[in-house]
């Protein structure tokens, strides 16, 4: 099996760590396609600088210009460039870091069975790259003596959506098979878009195709703080991430993957979070009023959410 690494590039700040992670892999990627979406080509300029020459020479980099029309279009651009040329694919975000055994362990997992994707544990690190906390992994998984745990769709949905908790992480700590790449651009369950939680939604959608391989080893880190979307609480992406859980719960319920009880748990949890964080935000007020009604099982509330959510996504360019 071969693996292709896709990097939607924008930030130059963490390039040294990004390239070092790739250059030190004990089992290397077959191709590394970087799509430079930085405004004035700053990423390409620094990548081609003498400072990066040593690392650049150790990685099979294919550098292309990005479409510069948003992160989603850049990802689509990368998938088109890859075009099914390898059995395995890895989307590596430009501010995340993978440790030397990342690909080796994912290859081992994928060789153990035909899994739609393998997901490895990761650390959350501060701006300096120092690990500061782990993921909130469910006890049953965390305490397992197996380094590789398989999870079906039931376990995936129930352990994430009702608690409004993505303990799997992001695309950077997932390797997926070529046949599920199409799911990256569907991002909906039963007509309900989960835009805002594209990563978790993709993991759940993949689990419907087959069990997911979860690797217990922490094989990289996600950087918190800085200027990423996760640090901008009042930005449209973080607001959509909150509401995306409601969309996953409603869509999962329509698919028969979640029951009424678990869906209402999610509605209740997000209602509390919205009221605490966004009660003074005009665009969130309708959701602050609607989510408690959904949590109480009020007739028609879920239909009203679908309409309101679709309007929110359209008006914010999702």
C-alpha atoms as a PDB file:
ATOM      1  CA  UNK A   1       0.000   0.000   0.000  1.00  0.00           C
ATOM      2  CA  UNK A   2       1.024   3.581  -0.679  1.00  0.00           C
ATOM      3  CA  UNK A   3      -0.090   6.755   1.032  1.00  0.00           C
ATOM      4  CA  UNK A   4      -0.411  10.306  -0.271  1.00  0.00           C
ATOM      5  CA  UNK A   5      -0.208  13.292   2.064  1.00  0.00           C
ATOM      6  CA  UNK A   6      -2.336  16.305   1.156  1.00  0.00           C
ATOM      7  CA  UNK A   7      -1.459  19.643   2.779  1.00  0.00           C
ATOM      8  CA  UNK A   8      -3.826  22.604   2.351  1.00  0.00           C
ATOM      9  CA  UNK A   9      -1.195  25.254   3.071  1.00  0.00           C
ATOM     10  CA  UNK A  10      -1.785  28.782   4.313  1.00  0.00           C
ATOM     11  CA  UNK A  11       0.325  29.489   7.402  1.00  0.00           C
ATOM     12  CA  UNK A  12       4.126  29.686   7.209  1.00  0.00           C
ATOM     13  CA  UNK A  13       4.597  30.029  10.972  1.00  0.00           C
ATOM     14  CA  UNK A  14       4.899  26.305  11.715  1.00  0.00           C
ATOM     15  CA  UNK A  15       6.569  25.125   8.523  1.00  0.00           C
ATOM     16  CA  UNK A  16       9.731  23.870  10.253  1.00  0.00           C
ATOM     17  CA  UNK A  17       7.745  21.535  12.546  1.00  0.00           C
ATOM     18  CA  UNK A  18       5.418  20.479   9.716  1.00  0.00           C
ATOM     19  CA  UNK A  19       8.264  19.428   7.416  1.00  0.00           C
ATOM     20  CA  UNK A  20      10.301  17.844  10.205  1.00  0.00           C
ATOM     21  CA  UNK A  21       7.337  15.617  11.027  1.00  0.00           C
ATOM     22  CA  UNK A  22       7.219  14.411   7.429  1.00  0.00           C
ATOM     23  CA  UNK A  23      10.994  14.100   6.962  1.00  0.00           C
ATOM     24  CA  UNK A  24      11.464  11.901  10.036  1.00  0.00           C
ATOM     25  CA  UNK A  25       8.773   9.297   9.329  1.00  0.00           C
ATOM     26  CA  UNK A  26       9.934   5.723   9.853  1.00  0.00           C
ATOM     27  CA  UNK A  27       7.702   4.727   6.931  1.00  0.00           C
ATOM     28  CA  UNK A  28       7.470   7.563   4.457  1.00  0.00           C
ATOM     29  CA  UNK A  29       4.610   8.938   2.440  1.00  0.00           C
ATOM     30  CA  UNK A  30       4.686   8.103  -1.279  1.00  0.00           C
ATOM     31  CA  UNK A  31       3.615  11.603  -2.356  1.00  0.00           C
ATOM     32  CA  UNK A  32       3.280  14.912  -0.519  1.00  0.00           C
ATOM     33  CA  UNK A  33       1.090  17.378  -2.401  1.00  0.00           C
ATOM     34  CA  UNK A  34       1.069  20.906  -1.014  1.00  0.00           C
ATOM     35  CA  UNK A  35      -1.482  23.393  -2.298  1.00  0.00           C
ATOM     36  CA  UNK A  36      -0.342  26.918  -1.426  1.00  0.00           C
ATOM     37  CA  UNK A  37      -3.379  29.040  -0.589  1.00  0.00           C
ATOM     38  CA  UNK A  38      -1.438  31.842   1.100  1.00  0.00           C
ATOM     39  CA  UNK A  39      -2.457  35.303  -0.214  1.00  0.00           C
ATOM     40  CA  UNK A  40       0.786  36.229  -1.975  1.00  0.00           C
ATOM     41  CA  UNK A  41       2.511  32.867  -2.214  1.00  0.00           C
ATOM     42  CA  UNK A  42       4.327  33.330   1.094  1.00  0.00           C
ATOM     43  CA  UNK A  43       4.180  29.602   1.809  1.00  0.00           C
ATOM     44  CA  UNK A  44       5.905  28.702  -1.478  1.00  0.00           C
ATOM     45  CA  UNK A  45       8.484  31.410  -1.007  1.00  0.00           C
ATOM     46  CA  UNK A  46       9.516  30.150   2.410  1.00  0.00           C
ATOM     47  CA  UNK A  47       9.349  26.489   1.360  1.00  0.00           C
ATOM     48  CA  UNK A  48      11.775  27.214  -1.482  1.00  0.00           C
ATOM     49  CA  UNK A  49      14.119  29.229   0.721  1.00  0.00           C
ATOM     50  CA  UNK A  50      17.642  27.994   1.627  1.00  0.00           C
ATOM     51  CA  UNK A  51      16.450  27.647   5.218  1.00  0.00           C
ATOM     52  CA  UNK A  52      14.144  24.783   4.211  1.00  0.00           C
ATOM     53  CA  UNK A  53      16.458  23.145   1.666  1.00  0.00           C
ATOM     54  CA  UNK A  54      17.592  20.264   3.905  1.00  0.00           C
ATOM     55  CA  UNK A  55      14.059  19.248   4.896  1.00  0.00           C
ATOM     56  CA  UNK A  56      12.665  19.837   1.428  1.00  0.00           C
ATOM     57  CA  UNK A  57      15.210  17.452  -0.082  1.00  0.00           C
ATOM     58  CA  UNK A  58      14.037  14.610   2.185  1.00  0.00           C
ATOM     59  CA  UNK A  59      10.350  14.823   1.234  1.00  0.00           C
ATOM     60  CA  UNK A  60       8.736  13.989  -2.154  1.00  0.00           C
ATOM     61  CA  UNK A  61       7.013  17.367  -2.354  1.00  0.00           C
ATOM     62  CA  UNK A  62       4.758  18.416  -5.219  1.00  0.00           C
ATOM     63  CA  UNK A  63       4.016  22.108  -4.758  1.00  0.00           C
ATOM     64  CA  UNK A  64       1.040  23.640  -6.558  1.00  0.00           C
ATOM     65  CA  UNK A  65      -0.772  26.947  -6.368  1.00  0.00           C
ATOM     66  CA  UNK A  66      -4.060  26.850  -4.488  1.00  0.00           C
ATOM     67  CA  UNK A  67      -7.379  28.228  -5.792  1.00  0.00           C
ATOM     68  CA  UNK A  68      -7.421  30.953  -3.083  1.00  0.00           C
ATOM     69  CA  UNK A  69     -11.188  30.748  -2.754  1.00  0.00           C
ATOM     70  CA  UNK A  70     -11.390  29.289   0.753  1.00  0.00           C
ATOM     71  CA  UNK A  71     -10.211  26.259   2.726  1.00  0.00           C
ATOM     72  CA  UNK A  72     -12.954  23.978   1.411  1.00  0.00           C
ATOM     73  CA  UNK A  73     -12.083  24.692  -2.224  1.00  0.00           C
ATOM     74  CA  UNK A  74      -8.394  24.158  -1.492  1.00  0.00           C
ATOM     75  CA  UNK A  75      -9.169  20.729  -0.053  1.00  0.00           C
ATOM     76  CA  UNK A  76     -11.284  19.871  -3.080  1.00  0.00           C
ATOM     77  CA  UNK A  77      -8.383  21.018  -5.277  1.00  0.00           C
ATOM     78  CA  UNK A  78      -6.006  18.641  -3.476  1.00  0.00           C
ATOM     79  CA  UNK A  79      -8.361  15.685  -3.773  1.00  0.00           C
ATOM     80  CA  UNK A  80      -8.631  16.319  -7.524  1.00  0.00           C
ATOM     81  CA  UNK A  81      -4.842  16.444  -7.838  1.00  0.00           C
ATOM     82  CA  UNK A  82      -4.498  13.195  -5.897  1.00  0.00           C
ATOM     83  CA  UNK A  83      -7.262  11.600  -8.026  1.00  0.00           C
ATOM     84  CA  UNK A  84      -7.179   8.170  -6.421  1.00  0.00           C
ATOM     85  CA  UNK A  85      -3.477   7.632  -7.133  1.00  0.00           C
ATOM     86  CA  UNK A  86      -2.865   5.791  -3.838  1.00  0.00           C
ATOM     87  CA  UNK A  87      -4.891   3.430  -1.695  1.00  0.00           C
ATOM     88  CA  UNK A  88      -4.439   5.565   1.426  1.00  0.00           C
ATOM     89  CA  UNK A  89      -4.760   9.326   1.925  1.00  0.00           C
ATOM     90  CA  UNK A  90      -3.803  11.674   4.755  1.00  0.00           C
ATOM     91  CA  UNK A  91      -4.908  15.308   5.061  1.00  0.00           C
ATOM     92  CA  UNK A  92      -2.299  17.112   7.160  1.00  0.00           C
ATOM     93  CA  UNK A  93      -3.226  20.617   8.282  1.00  0.00           C
ATOM     94  CA  UNK A  94      -0.365  23.103   8.206  1.00  0.00           C
ATOM     95  CA  UNK A  95      -0.292  23.815  11.956  1.00  0.00           C
ATOM     96  CA  UNK A  96      -0.448  20.208  13.153  1.00  0.00           C
ATOM     97  CA  UNK A  97       2.495  17.874  13.764  1.00  0.00           C
ATOM     98  CA  UNK A  98       2.885  14.112  13.318  1.00  0.00           C
ATOM     99  CA  UNK A  99       5.444  12.032  15.230  1.00  0.00           C
ATOM    100  CA  UNK A 100       7.961   9.704  13.504  1.00  0.00           C
ATOM    101  CA  UNK A 101       5.881   6.511  13.747  1.00  0.00           C
ATOM    102  CA  UNK A 102       2.630   8.072  12.512  1.00  0.00           C
ATOM    103  CA  UNK A 103       2.568   6.433   9.083  1.00  0.00           C
ATOM    104  CA  UNK A 104       4.111   3.172  10.286  1.00  0.00           C
ATOM    105  CA  UNK A 105       1.366   2.697  12.873  1.00  0.00           C
ATOM    106  CA  UNK A 106      -1.388   3.654  10.433  1.00  0.00           C
ATOM    107  CA  UNK A 107       0.003   1.250   7.844  1.00  0.00           C
ATOM    108  CA  UNK A 108      -0.034  -1.485  10.502  1.00  0.00           C
ATOM    109  CA  UNK A 109      -3.644  -0.694  11.324  1.00  0.00           C
ATOM    110  CA  UNK A 110      -4.742  -0.658   7.699  1.00  0.00           C
ATOM    111  CA  UNK A 111      -2.916  -3.914   6.996  1.00  0.00           C
ATOM    112  CA  UNK A 112      -4.815  -5.570   9.870  1.00  0.00           C
ATOM    113  CA  UNK A 113      -8.137  -5.231   8.056  1.00  0.00           C
ATOM    114  CA  UNK A 114     -10.084  -3.327   5.421  1.00  0.00           C
ATOM    115  CA  UNK A 115     -11.023  -0.246   7.456  1.00  0.00           C
ATOM    116  CA  UNK A 116     -12.493   2.885   5.842  1.00  0.00           C
ATOM    117  CA  UNK A 117     -10.123   4.890   8.018  1.00  0.00           C
ATOM    118  CA  UNK A 118      -7.733   4.640  10.922  1.00  0.00           C
ATOM    119  CA  UNK A 119      -7.639   7.345  13.586  1.00  0.00           C
ATOM    120  CA  UNK A 120      -4.815   7.780  16.085  1.00  0.00           C
ATOM    121  CA  UNK A 121      -4.863   9.476  19.462  1.00  0.00           C
ATOM    122  CA  UNK A 122      -3.143  12.841  19.723  1.00  0.00           C
ATOM    123  CA  UNK A 123      -2.057  15.469  22.173  1.00  0.00           C
ATOM    124  CA  UNK A 124      -3.281  19.018  22.392  1.00  0.00           C
ATOM    125  CA  UNK A 125      -0.230  21.276  22.510  1.00  0.00           C
ATOM    126  CA  UNK A 126       0.295  24.920  23.334  1.00  0.00           C
ATOM    127  CA  UNK A 127       1.629  27.510  20.901  1.00  0.00           C
ATOM    128  CA  UNK A 128       5.197  26.300  21.518  1.00  0.00           C
ATOM    129  CA  UNK A 129       4.300  22.722  20.601  1.00  0.00           C
ATOM    130  CA  UNK A 130       4.456  21.402  24.179  1.00  0.00           C
ATOM    131  CA  UNK A 131       1.762  18.744  24.869  1.00  0.00           C
ATOM    132  CA  UNK A 132      -0.569  19.991  27.589  1.00  0.00           C
ATOM    133  CA  UNK A 133      -3.530  17.594  27.533  1.00  0.00           C
ATOM    134  CA  UNK A 134      -4.836  14.454  25.897  1.00  0.00           C
ATOM    135  CA  UNK A 135      -8.159  13.809  24.232  1.00  0.00           C
ATOM    136  CA  UNK A 136     -11.175  12.949  26.459  1.00  0.00           C
ATOM    137  CA  UNK A 137     -11.102   9.287  25.380  1.00  0.00           C
ATOM    138  CA  UNK A 138     -13.970   7.137  26.755  1.00  0.00           C
ATOM    139  CA  UNK A 139     -12.831   4.897  29.613  1.00  0.00           C
ATOM    140  CA  UNK A 140     -13.749   1.693  27.826  1.00  0.00           C
ATOM    141  CA  UNK A 141     -11.392   2.584  24.988  1.00  0.00           C
ATOM    142  CA  UNK A 142      -8.659   4.238  27.023  1.00  0.00           C
ATOM    143  CA  UNK A 143      -8.400   1.325  29.483  1.00  0.00           C
ATOM    144  CA  UNK A 144      -8.339  -1.331  26.777  1.00  0.00           C
ATOM    145  CA  UNK A 145      -5.121  -3.359  26.707  1.00  0.00           C
ATOM    146  CA  UNK A 146      -5.332  -3.439  22.915  1.00  0.00           C
ATOM    147  CA  UNK A 147      -3.294  -0.828  21.058  1.00  0.00           C
ATOM    148  CA  UNK A 148      -5.751  -1.108  18.159  1.00  0.00           C
ATOM    149  CA  UNK A 149      -9.475  -0.915  18.871  1.00  0.00           C
ATOM    150  CA  UNK A 150     -12.213  -1.308  16.265  1.00  0.00           C
ATOM    151  CA  UNK A 151     -15.340   0.813  16.596  1.00  0.00           C
ATOM    152  CA  UNK A 152     -18.586   0.387  14.696  1.00  0.00           C
ATOM    153  CA  UNK A 153     -20.994   3.165  13.754  1.00  0.00           C
ATOM    154  CA  UNK A 154     -23.100   2.651  16.875  1.00  0.00           C
ATOM    155  CA  UNK A 155     -20.122   3.192  19.162  1.00  0.00           C
ATOM    156  CA  UNK A 156     -18.893   6.141  17.098  1.00  0.00           C
ATOM    157  CA  UNK A 157     -22.195   8.023  17.169  1.00  0.00           C
ATOM    158  CA  UNK A 158     -23.117   7.321  20.802  1.00  0.00           C
ATOM    159  CA  UNK A 159     -19.661   8.194  22.178  1.00  0.00           C
ATOM    160  CA  UNK A 160     -19.495  11.597  20.462  1.00  0.00           C
ATOM    161  CA  UNK A 161     -22.762  13.280  19.508  1.00  0.00           C
ATOM    162  CA  UNK A 162     -24.880  13.020  22.715  1.00  0.00           C
ATOM    163  CA  UNK A 163     -21.994  14.381  24.827  1.00  0.00           C
ATOM    164  CA  UNK A 164     -21.119  16.996  22.150  1.00  0.00           C
ATOM    165  CA  UNK A 165     -17.557  15.728  22.308  1.00  0.00           C
ATOM    166  CA  UNK A 166     -15.231  14.953  19.426  1.00  0.00           C
ATOM    167  CA  UNK A 167     -12.662  12.720  21.091  1.00  0.00           C
ATOM    168  CA  UNK A 168     -11.285  11.615  17.721  1.00  0.00           C
ATOM    169  CA  UNK A 169      -9.676  14.899  16.722  1.00  0.00           C
ATOM    170  CA  UNK A 170      -9.181  16.273  13.222  1.00  0.00           C
ATOM    171  CA  UNK A 171      -8.237  15.153   9.732  1.00  0.00           C
ATOM    172  CA  UNK A 172      -4.550  15.417  10.668  1.00  0.00           C
ATOM    173  CA  UNK A 173      -4.722  12.302  12.867  1.00  0.00           C
ATOM    174  CA  UNK A 174      -6.720  10.201  10.381  1.00  0.00           C
ATOM    175  CA  UNK A 175      -5.658   8.104   7.392  1.00  0.00           C
ATOM    176  CA  UNK A 176      -8.455   6.982   5.088  1.00  0.00           C
ATOM    177  CA  UNK A 177      -8.986   4.653   2.157  1.00  0.00           C
ATOM    178  CA  UNK A 178      -9.470   6.044  -1.314  1.00  0.00           C
ATOM    179  CA  UNK A 179     -13.002   4.686  -1.635  1.00  0.00           C
ATOM    180  CA  UNK A 180     -14.342   6.945   1.128  1.00  0.00           C
ATOM    181  CA  UNK A 181     -12.765  10.178  -0.194  1.00  0.00           C
ATOM    182  CA  UNK A 182     -16.108  11.091  -1.763  1.00  0.00           C
ATOM    183  CA  UNK A 183     -17.566  11.498   1.739  1.00  0.00           C
ATOM    184  CA  UNK A 184     -15.435  14.621   2.207  1.00  0.00           C
ATOM    185  CA  UNK A 185     -17.785  16.504  -0.103  1.00  0.00           C
ATOM    186  CA  UNK A 186     -21.168  15.120   0.901  1.00  0.00           C
ATOM    187  CA  UNK A 187     -21.160  16.361   4.517  1.00  0.00           C
ATOM    188  CA  UNK A 188     -24.789  15.655   5.339  1.00  0.00           C
ATOM    189  CA  UNK A 189     -26.910  13.004   6.987  1.00  0.00           C
ATOM    190  CA  UNK A 190     -30.446  12.563   5.646  1.00  0.00           C
ATOM    191  CA  UNK A 191     -30.342  16.021   4.113  1.00  0.00           C
ATOM    192  CA  UNK A 192     -29.050  17.759   7.255  1.00  0.00           C
ATOM    193  CA  UNK A 193     -25.680  19.439   6.652  1.00  0.00           C
ATOM    194  CA  UNK A 194     -22.999  19.023   9.320  1.00  0.00           C
ATOM    195  CA  UNK A 195     -20.859  21.869   7.926  1.00  0.00           C
ATOM    196  CA  UNK A 196     -18.764  23.220  10.774  1.00  0.00           C
ATOM    197  CA  UNK A 197     -17.914  19.731  12.008  1.00  0.00           C
ATOM    198  CA  UNK A 198     -16.545  18.342   8.763  1.00  0.00           C
ATOM    199  CA  UNK A 199     -13.938  16.158  10.474  1.00  0.00           C
ATOM    200  CA  UNK A 200     -16.217  14.415  12.979  1.00  0.00           C
ATOM    201  CA  UNK A 201     -18.973  14.164  10.380  1.00  0.00           C
ATOM    202  CA  UNK A 202     -16.554  12.466   7.988  1.00  0.00           C
ATOM    203  CA  UNK A 203     -15.439   9.991  10.664  1.00  0.00           C
ATOM    204  CA  UNK A 204     -19.060   9.112  11.439  1.00  0.00           C
ATOM    205  CA  UNK A 205     -19.956   8.813   7.750  1.00  0.00           C
ATOM    206  CA  UNK A 206     -16.964   6.522   7.190  1.00  0.00           C
ATOM    207  CA  UNK A 207     -18.015   4.353  10.131  1.00  0.00           C
ATOM    208  CA  UNK A 208     -21.297   3.645   8.356  1.00  0.00           C
ATOM    209  CA  UNK A 209     -19.233   2.081   5.549  1.00  0.00           C
ATOM    210  CA  UNK A 210     -17.387  -0.162   8.011  1.00  0.00           C
ATOM    211  CA  UNK A 211     -15.712  -0.310  11.450  1.00  0.00           C
ATOM    212  CA  UNK A 212     -13.053   2.296  12.209  1.00  0.00           C
ATOM    213  CA  UNK A 213      -9.579   1.351  13.467  1.00  0.00           C
ATOM    214  CA  UNK A 214      -8.635   3.458  16.486  1.00  0.00           C
ATOM    215  CA  UNK A 215      -4.927   3.536  17.381  1.00  0.00           C
ATOM    216  CA  UNK A 216      -4.307   4.137  21.081  1.00  0.00           C
ATOM    217  CA  UNK A 217      -0.837   5.674  20.585  1.00  0.00           C
ATOM    218  CA  UNK A 218      -0.656   9.485  20.626  1.00  0.00           C
ATOM    219  CA  UNK A 219       1.064  10.007  17.297  1.00  0.00           C
ATOM    220  CA  UNK A 220       0.950  13.779  16.928  1.00  0.00           C
ATOM    221  CA  UNK A 221      -0.445  16.991  18.287  1.00  0.00           C
ATOM    222  CA  UNK A 222      -3.041  19.616  17.540  1.00  0.00           C
ATOM    223  CA  UNK A 223      -1.897  23.131  18.315  1.00  0.00           C
ATOM    224  CA  UNK A 224      -4.317  25.223  20.378  1.00  0.00           C
ATOM    225  CA  UNK A 225      -4.238  29.000  20.544  1.00  0.00           C
ATOM    226  CA  UNK A 226      -2.576  31.074  17.864  1.00  0.00           C
ATOM    227  CA  UNK A 227      -4.780  32.361  15.052  1.00  0.00           C
ATOM    228  CA  UNK A 228      -6.676  29.185  14.171  1.00  0.00           C
ATOM    229  CA  UNK A 229     -10.474  28.974  13.950  1.00  0.00           C
ATOM    230  CA  UNK A 230     -10.657  27.158  17.300  1.00  0.00           C
ATOM    231  CA  UNK A 231      -9.227  30.198  19.085  1.00  0.00           C
ATOM    232  CA  UNK A 232     -11.880  32.570  17.703  1.00  0.00           C
ATOM    233  CA  UNK A 233     -14.885  31.843  19.911  1.00  0.00           C
ATOM    234  CA  UNK A 234     -17.106  34.432  18.259  1.00  0.00           C
ATOM    235  CA  UNK A 235     -16.085  33.587  14.701  1.00  0.00           C
ATOM    236  CA  UNK A 236     -18.500  31.912  12.320  1.00  0.00           C
ATOM    237  CA  UNK A 237     -16.546  28.637  12.312  1.00  0.00           C
ATOM    238  CA  UNK A 238     -16.737  28.126  16.074  1.00  0.00           C
ATOM    239  CA  UNK A 239     -20.420  29.019  16.092  1.00  0.00           C
ATOM    240  CA  UNK A 240     -21.020  26.528  13.288  1.00  0.00           C
ATOM    241  CA  UNK A 241     -19.010  23.903  15.189  1.00  0.00           C
ATOM    242  CA  UNK A 242     -21.410  24.235  18.141  1.00  0.00           C
ATOM    243  CA  UNK A 243     -24.484  23.999  15.939  1.00  0.00           C
ATOM    244  CA  UNK A 244     -22.901  21.207  13.904  1.00  0.00           C
ATOM    245  CA  UNK A 245     -23.433  18.847  16.842  1.00  0.00           C
ATOM    246  CA  UNK A 246     -27.164  19.555  16.680  1.00  0.00           C
ATOM    247  CA  UNK A 247     -27.072  18.836  12.964  1.00  0.00           C
ATOM    248  CA  UNK A 248     -25.227  15.551  13.561  1.00  0.00           C
ATOM    249  CA  UNK A 249     -27.758  14.555  16.219  1.00  0.00           C
ATOM    250  CA  UNK A 250     -30.743  15.367  14.029  1.00  0.00           C
ATOM    251  CA  UNK A 251     -29.219  13.747  10.950  1.00  0.00           C
ATOM    252  CA  UNK A 252     -28.110  10.721  12.966  1.00  0.00           C
ATOM    253  CA  UNK A 253     -31.618  10.369  14.370  1.00  0.00           C
ATOM    254  CA  UNK A 254     -33.116  10.504  10.875  1.00  0.00           C
ATOM    255  CA  UNK A 255     -30.688   7.793   9.774  1.00  0.00           C
ATOM    256  CA  UNK A 256     -31.625   5.626  12.738  1.00  0.00           C
ATOM    257  CA  UNK A 257     -28.115   5.879  14.219  1.00  0.00           C
ATOM    258  CA  UNK A 258     -29.269   7.795  17.310  1.00  0.00           C
ATOM    259  CA  UNK A 259     -32.435   7.472  19.349  1.00  0.00           C
ATOM    260  CA  UNK A 260     -34.619  10.248  20.708  1.00  0.00           C
ATOM    261  CA  UNK A 261     -32.935  10.163  24.127  1.00  0.00           C
ATOM    262  CA  UNK A 262     -29.421  10.624  22.784  1.00  0.00           C
ATOM    263  CA  UNK A 263     -30.500  13.329  20.335  1.00  0.00           C
ATOM    264  CA  UNK A 264     -32.145  15.302  23.137  1.00  0.00           C
ATOM    265  CA  UNK A 265     -29.008  14.980  25.273  1.00  0.00           C
ATOM    266  CA  UNK A 266     -27.122  16.735  22.504  1.00  0.00           C
ATOM    267  CA  UNK A 267     -29.769  19.431  22.104  1.00  0.00           C
ATOM    268  CA  UNK A 268     -29.720  20.094  25.832  1.00  0.00           C
ATOM    269  CA  UNK A 269     -25.913  20.299  25.985  1.00  0.00           C
ATOM    270  CA  UNK A 270     -25.626  22.692  23.055  1.00  0.00           C
ATOM    271  CA  UNK A 271     -28.509  24.817  24.350  1.00  0.00           C
ATOM    272  CA  UNK A 272     -26.610  25.365  27.599  1.00  0.00           C
ATOM    273  CA  UNK A 273     -23.377  26.186  25.757  1.00  0.00           C
ATOM    274  CA  UNK A 274     -25.084  28.635  23.387  1.00  0.00           C
ATOM    275  CA  UNK A 275     -26.855  30.474  26.186  1.00  0.00           C
ATOM    276  CA  UNK A 276     -23.636  30.742  28.186  1.00  0.00           C
ATOM    277  CA  UNK A 277     -21.414  31.853  25.297  1.00  0.00           C
ATOM    278  CA  UNK A 278     -23.609  33.453  22.663  1.00  0.00           C
ATOM    279  CA  UNK A 279     -26.710  34.878  24.336  1.00  0.00           C
ATOM    280  CA  UNK A 280     -25.538  38.398  23.414  1.00  0.00           C
ATOM    281  CA  UNK A 281     -24.773  37.478  19.798  1.00  0.00           C
ATOM    282  CA  UNK A 282     -27.606  38.514  17.494  1.00  0.00           C
ATOM    283  CA  UNK A 283     -27.084  35.709  14.979  1.00  0.00           C
ATOM    284  CA  UNK A 284     -27.227  33.093  17.748  1.00  0.00           C
ATOM    285  CA  UNK A 285     -30.332  34.357  19.574  1.00  0.00           C
ATOM    286  CA  UNK A 286     -32.820  32.332  17.462  1.00  0.00           C
ATOM    287  CA  UNK A 287     -30.831  29.158  18.212  1.00  0.00           C
ATOM    288  CA  UNK A 288     -30.624  30.030  21.918  1.00  0.00           C
ATOM    289  CA  UNK A 289     -34.422  30.146  21.936  1.00  0.00           C
ATOM    290  CA  UNK A 290     -34.960  27.091  19.739  1.00  0.00           C
ATOM    291  CA  UNK A 291     -32.551  24.551  21.261  1.00  0.00           C
ATOM    292  CA  UNK A 292     -34.345  24.290  24.652  1.00  0.00           C
ATOM    293  CA  UNK A 293     -37.546  23.579  22.713  1.00  0.00           C
ATOM    294  CA  UNK A 294     -35.792  20.783  20.835  1.00  0.00           C
ATOM    295  CA  UNK A 295     -34.389  19.392  24.094  1.00  0.00           C
ATOM    296  CA  UNK A 296     -37.950  19.332  25.499  1.00  0.00           C
ATOM    297  CA  UNK A 297     -39.228  17.473  22.431  1.00  0.00           C
ATOM    298  CA  UNK A 298     -41.547  20.272  21.319  1.00  0.00           C
ATOM    299  CA  UNK A 299     -43.408  19.420  18.115  1.00  0.00           C
ATOM    300  CA  UNK A 300     -41.995  21.088  15.023  1.00  0.00           C
ATOM    301  CA  UNK A 301     -38.830  22.329  16.750  1.00  0.00           C
ATOM    302  CA  UNK A 302     -36.515  20.077  14.752  1.00  0.00           C
ATOM    303  CA  UNK A 303     -38.083  21.219  11.478  1.00  0.00           C
ATOM    304  CA  UNK A 304     -37.601  24.845  12.491  1.00  0.00           C
ATOM    305  CA  UNK A 305     -33.947  24.114  13.280  1.00  0.00           C
ATOM    306  CA  UNK A 306     -33.372  22.660   9.812  1.00  0.00           C
ATOM    307  CA  UNK A 307     -34.718  25.813   8.198  1.00  0.00           C
ATOM    308  CA  UNK A 308     -32.810  28.146  10.507  1.00  0.00           C
ATOM    309  CA  UNK A 309     -29.590  26.149  10.141  1.00  0.00           C
ATOM    310  CA  UNK A 310     -29.793  26.117   6.350  1.00  0.00           C
ATOM    311  CA  UNK A 311     -30.287  29.880   6.367  1.00  0.00           C
ATOM    312  CA  UNK A 312     -27.329  30.375   8.712  1.00  0.00           C
ATOM    313  CA  UNK A 313     -25.018  28.283   6.536  1.00  0.00           C
ATOM    314  CA  UNK A 314     -26.060  30.081   3.357  1.00  0.00           C
ATOM    315  CA  UNK A 315     -25.693  33.550   4.833  1.00  0.00           C
ATOM    316  CA  UNK A 316     -22.217  32.735   6.167  1.00  0.00           C
ATOM    317  CA  UNK A 317     -20.855  31.221   2.984  1.00  0.00           C
ATOM    318  CA  UNK A 318     -20.591  27.575   4.107  1.00  0.00           C
END
